[in-house]
Amino acid sequence: MIWEVGILLGGIGVLILCICAGMMLRDAGMTLKSITRISLEKKGEIENIIDHSAAITENLDTITNNAAKVTSVVSIATEVVKAVRSKNTYKEESEEGEKQ
């Protein structure tokens, strides 16, 4: 009698698991249908992006190279300013030494 109740509860558990698995598969199917619909609607735009990806990459490379050039120019300008300041400081110190 008790083993029959155990088998009944086990069967109910398997039934619940099957229902949950079915619902999960149904949701996965709906998601795939939605993805397919969206990809078909946006097919032209996706192809456009793929076709122009080389140009986009070249533009990014150009921007990156220009940014590197600007950075190097700023770095050189910073060094020049530091050199001019140190020269002016040295000149002022030597002028003060001559006055004394």
C-alpha atoms as a PDB file:
ATOM      1  CA  MET A   1       0.000   0.000   0.000  1.00  0.00           C
ATOM      2  CA  ILE A   2       2.755   2.521   0.894  1.00  0.00           C
ATOM      3  CA  TRP A   3       4.811   1.613  -2.187  1.00  0.00           C
ATOM      4  CA  GLU A   4       1.742   2.310  -4.328  1.00  0.00           C
ATOM      5  CA  VAL A   5       1.511   5.807  -2.834  1.00  0.00           C
ATOM      6  CA  GLY A   6       5.232   6.288  -3.521  1.00  0.00           C
ATOM      7  CA  ILE A   7       4.807   5.263  -7.155  1.00  0.00           C
ATOM      8  CA  LEU A   8       1.796   7.592  -7.454  1.00  0.00           C
ATOM      9  CA  LEU A   9       3.783  10.534  -6.035  1.00  0.00           C
ATOM     10  CA  GLY A  10       6.735   9.704  -8.316  1.00  0.00           C
ATOM     11  CA  GLY A  11       4.404   9.650 -11.320  1.00  0.00           C
ATOM     12  CA  ILE A  12       2.904  13.001 -10.320  1.00  0.00           C
ATOM     13  CA  GLY A  13       6.445  14.417 -10.011  1.00  0.00           C
ATOM     14  CA  VAL A  14       7.374  13.150 -13.478  1.00  0.00           C
ATOM     15  CA  LEU A  15       4.143  14.619 -14.876  1.00  0.00           C
ATOM     16  CA  ILE A  16       4.949  18.035 -13.363  1.00  0.00           C
ATOM     17  CA  LEU A  17       8.518  17.887 -14.765  1.00  0.00           C
ATOM     18  CA  CYS A  18       7.156  17.031 -18.214  1.00  0.00           C
ATOM     19  CA  ILE A  19       4.729  19.951 -18.077  1.00  0.00           C
ATOM     20  CA  CYS A  20       7.519  22.337 -17.075  1.00  0.00           C
ATOM     21  CA  ALA A  21       9.791  21.001 -19.835  1.00  0.00           C
ATOM     22  CA  GLY A  22       6.980  21.412 -22.362  1.00  0.00           C
ATOM     23  CA  MET A  23       6.399  25.005 -21.295  1.00  0.00           C
ATOM     24  CA  MET A  24      10.137  25.710 -21.541  1.00  0.00           C
ATOM     25  CA  LEU A  25      10.300  24.243 -25.054  1.00  0.00           C
ATOM     26  CA  ARG A  26       7.211  26.217 -26.080  1.00  0.00           C
ATOM     27  CA  ASP A  27       8.815  29.458 -24.859  1.00  0.00           C
ATOM     28  CA  ALA A  28      12.048  28.601 -26.692  1.00  0.00           C
ATOM     29  CA  GLY A  29      10.073  28.017 -29.889  1.00  0.00           C
ATOM     30  CA  MET A  30       8.270  31.334 -29.517  1.00  0.00           C
ATOM     31  CA  THR A  31      11.594  33.083 -28.953  1.00  0.00           C
ATOM     32  CA  LEU A  32      13.072  31.516 -32.088  1.00  0.00           C
ATOM     33  CA  LYS A  33      10.026  32.550 -34.111  1.00  0.00           C
ATOM     34  CA  SER A  34      10.374  36.102 -32.815  1.00  0.00           C
ATOM     35  CA  ILE A  35      14.097  36.178 -33.664  1.00  0.00           C
ATOM     36  CA  THR A  36      13.378  34.851 -37.150  1.00  0.00           C
ATOM     37  CA  ARG A  37      10.663  37.458 -37.726  1.00  0.00           C
ATOM     38  CA  ILE A  38      12.865  40.319 -36.557  1.00  0.00           C
ATOM     39  CA  SER A  39      15.839  39.150 -38.625  1.00  0.00           C
ATOM     40  CA  LEU A  40      13.645  38.902 -41.734  1.00  0.00           C
ATOM     41  CA  GLU A  41      12.219  42.384 -41.136  1.00  0.00           C
ATOM     42  CA  LYS A  42      15.677  43.891 -40.621  1.00  0.00           C
ATOM     43  CA  LYS A  43      17.419  41.834 -43.327  1.00  0.00           C
ATOM     44  CA  GLY A  44      18.168  44.869 -45.498  1.00  0.00           C
ATOM     45  CA  GLU A  45      19.619  46.843 -42.624  1.00  0.00           C
ATOM     46  CA  ILE A  46      21.748  43.895 -41.499  1.00  0.00           C
ATOM     47  CA  GLU A  47      23.095  43.403 -45.026  1.00  0.00           C
ATOM     48  CA  ASN A  48      23.826  47.132 -45.245  1.00  0.00           C
ATOM     49  CA  ILE A  49      25.839  47.008 -42.023  1.00  0.00           C
ATOM     50  CA  ILE A  50      27.746  43.941 -43.199  1.00  0.00           C
ATOM     51  CA  ASP A  51      28.453  45.523 -46.589  1.00  0.00           C
ATOM     52  CA  HIS A  52      29.748  48.722 -45.001  1.00  0.00           C
ATOM     53  CA  SER A  53      31.663  47.109 -42.145  1.00  0.00           C
ATOM     54  CA  ALA A  54      34.964  47.516 -44.029  1.00  0.00           C
ATOM     55  CA  ALA A  55      34.372  51.252 -44.444  1.00  0.00           C
ATOM     56  CA  ILE A  56      33.359  51.553 -40.800  1.00  0.00           C
ATOM     57  CA  THR A  57      36.561  49.780 -39.751  1.00  0.00           C
ATOM     58  CA  GLU A  58      38.669  52.050 -41.982  1.00  0.00           C
ATOM     59  CA  ASN A  59      37.001  55.122 -40.482  1.00  0.00           C
ATOM     60  CA  LEU A  60      37.729  53.859 -36.984  1.00  0.00           C
ATOM     61  CA  ASP A  61      41.353  53.230 -37.944  1.00  0.00           C
ATOM     62  CA  THR A  62      41.617  56.766 -39.337  1.00  0.00           C
ATOM     63  CA  ILE A  63      40.106  58.252 -36.194  1.00  0.00           C
ATOM     64  CA  THR A  64      42.440  56.204 -34.000  1.00  0.00           C
ATOM     65  CA  ASN A  65      45.495  57.254 -36.022  1.00  0.00           C
ATOM     66  CA  ASN A  66      44.475  60.923 -35.907  1.00  0.00           C
ATOM     67  CA  ALA A  67      43.923  60.711 -32.164  1.00  0.00           C
ATOM     68  CA  ALA A  68      47.409  59.221 -31.753  1.00  0.00           C
ATOM     69  CA  LYS A  69      48.902  62.053 -33.827  1.00  0.00           C
ATOM     70  CA  VAL A  70      47.104  64.682 -31.768  1.00  0.00           C
ATOM     71  CA  THR A  71      48.300  63.012 -28.592  1.00  0.00           C
ATOM     72  CA  SER A  72      51.900  63.053 -29.799  1.00  0.00           C
ATOM     73  CA  VAL A  73      51.627  66.730 -30.800  1.00  0.00           C
ATOM     74  CA  VAL A  74      50.235  67.609 -27.382  1.00  0.00           C
ATOM     75  CA  SER A  75      53.018  65.620 -25.735  1.00  0.00           C
ATOM     76  CA  ILE A  76      55.671  67.466 -27.756  1.00  0.00           C
ATOM     77  CA  ALA A  77      54.034  70.814 -26.981  1.00  0.00           C
ATOM     78  CA  THR A  78      54.060  69.939 -23.280  1.00  0.00           C
ATOM     79  CA  GLU A  79      57.768  69.149 -23.417  1.00  0.00           C
ATOM     80  CA  VAL A  80      58.476  72.427 -25.236  1.00  0.00           C
ATOM     81  CA  VAL A  81      56.554  74.388 -22.608  1.00  0.00           C
ATOM     82  CA  LYS A  82      58.473  72.633 -19.841  1.00  0.00           C
ATOM     83  CA  ALA A  83      61.768  73.403 -21.559  1.00  0.00           C
ATOM     84  CA  VAL A  84      60.873  77.086 -22.028  1.00  0.00           C
ATOM     85  CA  ARG A  85      59.805  77.377 -18.404  1.00  0.00           C
ATOM     86  CA  SER A  86      62.978  75.763 -17.132  1.00  0.00           C
ATOM     87  CA  LYS A  87      65.079  78.045 -19.389  1.00  0.00           C
ATOM     88  CA  ASN A  88      63.226  81.117 -18.102  1.00  0.00           C
ATOM     89  CA  THR A  89      63.692  79.952 -14.527  1.00  0.00           C
ATOM     90  CA  TYR A  90      67.423  79.411 -15.131  1.00  0.00           C
ATOM     91  CA  LYS A  91      67.672  82.869 -16.776  1.00  0.00           C
ATOM     92  CA  GLU A  92      65.886  84.551 -13.855  1.00  0.00           C
ATOM     93  CA  GLU A  93      68.120  82.788 -11.326  1.00  0.00           C
ATOM     94  CA  SER A  94      71.269  83.829 -13.167  1.00  0.00           C
ATOM     95  CA  GLU A  95      70.034  87.459 -13.404  1.00  0.00           C
ATOM     96  CA  GLU A  96      69.351  87.505  -9.659  1.00  0.00           C
ATOM     97  CA  GLY A  97      72.843  86.130  -9.021  1.00  0.00           C
ATOM     98  CA  GLU A  98      74.424  88.880 -11.132  1.00  0.00           C
ATOM     99  CA  LYS A  99      72.494  91.610  -9.254  1.00  0.00           C
ATOM    100  CA  GLN A 100      73.815  90.503  -5.906  1.00  0.00           C
END
